[in-house]
C-alpha cells in the first residue's frame, strides 16, 4: 500500500498502511528507511532474518523497527524490501504475545550511492497506534509510532 512520514515537534512519525497488518508493518519499515536514505537506491541483494515479540501489535511495530535499526548498525547495511509474518501466541506465563518473523533485504551502506539523510536513533512508544479503518468497504490496517532522530 503505502507509508507516510508524519510531522512531529523534534522527531519524525512513521505511518504504515496496508491491506493486512503485515503489509502495514512492511510499509512502515520502508518509511523508516526512507527517513535515513534514498530508499530507491538500496538494492535488495542481501537478506537477513528479523524476529521479535510483544504483547500488543502497536508495541510489536516499535520492537520491529528497533530490531531493523539494530541490524542496520550491526551489519552496516540499509534495507529496502521487507517481508513479515505475525502470529498470536503465548509467552512462558501464558500471556498473549505477538510473534513477528520476517526478512529484510538490502545492501552494505554506501554514503554516496544511498544519499544518506538523517540518523534514526530508535523507534519510541510515543504516538504508537494500531487500528483498522474501513474506507468504501475496504479494510485498511494502520500502524504508527515516532522515531527519535
Protein backbone atom coordinates (compact mmCIF):
# COMPACT_ATOMS: atom_id res chain seq x y z
CA UNK A 1 0.00 0.00 0.00
CA UNK A 2 1.94 2.97 1.26
CA UNK A 3 3.76 4.72 4.04
CA UNK A 4 3.69 8.33 5.24
CA UNK A 5 6.01 10.48 7.30
CA UNK A 6 4.20 12.45 9.98
CA UNK A 7 5.22 15.85 11.30
CA UNK A 8 6.38 15.90 14.91
CA UNK A 9 7.98 18.65 17.03
CA UNK A 10 11.57 17.32 17.11
CA UNK A 11 11.31 13.80 15.76
CA UNK A 12 9.56 12.04 12.86
CA UNK A 13 6.38 9.97 12.84
CA UNK A 14 6.18 6.81 10.76
CA UNK A 15 2.80 5.55 9.49
CA UNK A 16 2.47 2.26 7.63
CA UNK A 17 -0.75 1.48 5.76
CA UNK A 18 -1.65 -1.89 4.28
CA UNK A 19 -4.41 -4.28 3.36
CA UNK A 20 -3.11 -6.56 6.16
CA UNK A 21 -1.26 -5.90 9.41
CA UNK A 22 1.83 -7.50 7.86
CA UNK A 23 1.70 -5.18 4.87
CA UNK A 24 1.30 -2.17 7.17
CA UNK A 25 4.45 -3.24 9.08
CA UNK A 26 6.37 -3.71 5.81
CA UNK A 27 5.32 -0.26 4.59
CA UNK A 28 6.25 1.29 7.95
CA UNK A 29 9.72 -0.25 7.61
CA UNK A 30 10.05 1.36 4.17
CA UNK A 31 9.04 4.66 5.75
CA UNK A 32 11.75 4.23 8.40
CA UNK A 33 14.48 3.66 5.84
CA UNK A 34 13.21 6.48 3.60
CA UNK A 35 13.99 8.82 6.52
CA UNK A 36 17.58 7.56 6.61
CA UNK A 37 18.46 7.31 2.92
CA UNK A 38 17.18 7.41 -0.65
CA UNK A 39 15.34 4.07 -0.45
CA UNK A 40 15.06 3.67 -4.24
CA UNK A 41 18.87 3.45 -4.38
CA UNK A 42 19.05 0.49 -1.96
CA UNK A 43 19.32 -2.80 -3.86
CA UNK A 44 17.76 -5.79 -2.05
CA UNK A 45 20.78 -8.06 -2.69
CA UNK A 46 21.38 -9.47 0.79
CA UNK A 47 18.75 -10.93 3.15
CA UNK A 48 18.73 -11.06 6.96
CA UNK A 49 16.21 -12.53 9.38
CA UNK A 50 14.21 -10.37 11.78
CA UNK A 51 12.47 -11.79 14.86
CA UNK A 52 10.74 -10.02 17.74
CA UNK A 53 7.82 -10.34 20.16
CA UNK A 54 5.50 -8.01 22.05
CA UNK A 55 2.21 -8.21 23.98
CA UNK A 56 0.33 -5.92 21.53
CA UNK A 57 0.51 -5.12 17.83
CA UNK A 58 1.35 -1.45 18.35
CA UNK A 59 4.31 -2.28 20.60
CA UNK A 60 5.34 -5.06 18.18
CA UNK A 61 5.69 -2.38 15.47
CA UNK A 62 8.08 -0.42 17.71
CA UNK A 63 10.07 -3.58 18.50
CA UNK A 64 10.23 -4.43 14.78
CA UNK A 65 11.57 -1.01 13.81
CA UNK A 66 14.11 -1.10 16.65
CA UNK A 67 15.33 -4.52 15.53
CA UNK A 68 15.76 -3.14 12.00
CA UNK A 69 17.73 -0.16 13.36
CA UNK A 70 19.93 -2.51 15.41
CA UNK A 71 20.60 -4.76 12.41
CA UNK A 72 21.38 -1.71 10.26
CA UNK A 73 24.09 -0.73 12.74
CA UNK A 74 25.42 -4.25 13.40
CA UNK A 75 25.65 -5.24 9.74
CA UNK A 76 26.35 -1.73 8.37
CA UNK A 77 23.51 -2.17 5.88
CA UNK A 78 20.46 -0.33 4.64
CA UNK A 79 17.25 -2.16 3.76
CA UNK A 80 14.52 -1.53 1.18
CA UNK A 81 12.46 -4.72 0.97
CA UNK A 82 10.65 -6.37 3.87
CA UNK A 83 8.53 -9.44 4.42
CA UNK A 84 6.88 -10.26 7.76
CA UNK A 85 4.58 -12.86 9.24
CA UNK A 86 2.80 -12.15 12.52
CA UNK A 87 1.24 -14.82 14.70
CA UNK A 88 -0.51 -14.70 18.02
CA UNK A 89 0.94 -16.99 20.67
CA UNK A 90 1.57 -17.19 24.41
CA UNK A 91 4.69 -16.47 26.42
CA UNK A 92 6.07 -18.52 29.32
CA UNK A 93 3.42 -17.16 31.71
CA UNK A 94 0.54 -17.87 29.29
CA UNK A 95 0.08 -14.18 28.45
CA UNK A 96 -0.91 -13.35 24.86
CA UNK A 97 2.11 -12.44 22.80
CA UNK A 98 2.54 -11.48 19.17
CA UNK A 99 5.47 -13.05 17.33
CA UNK A 100 6.98 -11.46 14.24
CA UNK A 101 9.23 -13.44 11.91
CA UNK A 102 10.48 -11.89 8.75
CA UNK A 103 13.24 -10.78 6.47
CA UNK A 104 14.83 -7.51 5.46
CA UNK A 105 16.69 -7.22 2.16
CA UNK A 106 19.26 -4.60 1.36
CA UNK A 107 22.94 -3.95 0.85
CA UNK A 108 26.04 -2.61 2.57
CA UNK A 109 25.88 1.10 3.36
CA UNK A 110 27.40 3.36 0.70
CA UNK A 111 27.22 7.02 1.75
CA UNK A 112 27.29 8.41 -1.79
CA UNK A 113 25.09 5.87 -3.55
CA UNK A 114 22.38 5.83 -0.87
CA UNK A 115 22.31 9.61 -0.32
CA UNK A 116 22.29 9.23 3.46
CA UNK A 117 19.93 11.71 5.13
CA UNK A 118 19.09 11.51 8.86
CA UNK A 119 20.36 9.09 11.51
CA UNK A 120 17.45 7.43 13.33
CA UNK A 121 18.42 6.51 16.91
CA UNK A 122 15.34 4.50 17.91
CA UNK A 123 11.63 3.91 17.45
CA UNK A 124 9.70 5.10 20.50
CA UNK A 125 6.42 4.21 22.16
CA UNK A 126 5.34 7.83 21.74
CA UNK A 127 2.35 8.15 19.43
CA UNK A 128 2.22 4.42 18.78
CA UNK A 129 -1.06 3.15 17.44
CA UNK A 130 -2.55 0.23 15.56
CA UNK A 131 -6.02 0.42 14.08
CA UNK A 132 -8.19 -0.92 11.30
CA UNK A 133 -10.31 1.52 9.32
CA UNK A 134 -12.86 0.73 6.68
CA UNK A 135 -12.97 3.05 3.67
CA UNK A 136 -15.50 2.42 0.91
CA UNK A 137 -15.97 -1.17 2.05
CA UNK A 138 -12.21 -1.86 2.12
CA UNK A 139 -10.42 -2.54 5.41
CA UNK A 140 -7.00 -0.96 5.85
CA UNK A 141 -4.53 -1.51 8.66
CA UNK A 142 -2.68 1.49 10.12
CA UNK A 143 0.35 1.25 12.38
CA UNK A 144 2.38 4.20 13.60
CA UNK A 145 4.98 5.47 16.04
CA UNK A 146 7.52 8.28 16.43
CA UNK A 147 11.21 7.73 15.75
CA UNK A 148 13.95 9.58 17.63
CA UNK A 149 16.35 11.36 15.26
